[in-house]
Amino acid sequence: MIGADGVTASSEMLDASNTDKYSADQAKLYTQGDTTLDLAGGWSPSTGDSEPWIKLNFNQAIRVSGIVTQGREDDDQWVTCYYVQYGTDPDCNVMEYILNEPSSGPEDKKEFDANIDRNTLVQNWFNQEITTCCIAIVPNTWHNGVGMRVDVLGCSEVPTETPPVSTETSTTQETTPST
């Protein structure tokens, strides 16, 4: 479902040889570091990025039911809490945060609990599906630096009417075998 624009980010950490081994393209779930290709096991923003984000861009409007995350596979870095933004227009020029319910206004952003280690899958389900052309994950707190692998849950074709956005969520953790 990720479209031609793929995955973009606020920044990408560069290694000593200025390669993009920590690029947003490395943010797919289950990505593993590859020393032969000099690729990291997840996305990490540049160290000077004080407001990091990673955005999943789709070819069309889809319904999204939640987010699933992992930490960075090749280092002890993971996001512990994040916010979610979604595009409200077809080009994702206008982004809105998922809000707490009941909300006291646009600054009442819903904070989602995330990872406690580098490999456990953590799912956060939205109360209702969001119809959007993109989703952005905005890390708020992290362990040893931002390191993330991510995907969306419940992708399906856009309905004829856009459902309302609700921010009631649940969090589950699944363990995966470590390699």
Foldseek 3Di string as FASTA:
>chain_A
DQDPVFKQKPAFAADPVRDRQQGQVLQAAPAPQDVVVSHWNFHFGHPPDPWMKMKGFAPFWKWFFWKKKFFTQPDWKAFFKKWKWFAPDGVSPDIATAAAVVHPDRVRHDIDGHDPTGHKIKIKTFPGIFTGRMMMIIGDGMDPGHGMHMDTPDIDHDDPDGDDGHGDIDMDIDGDDRD
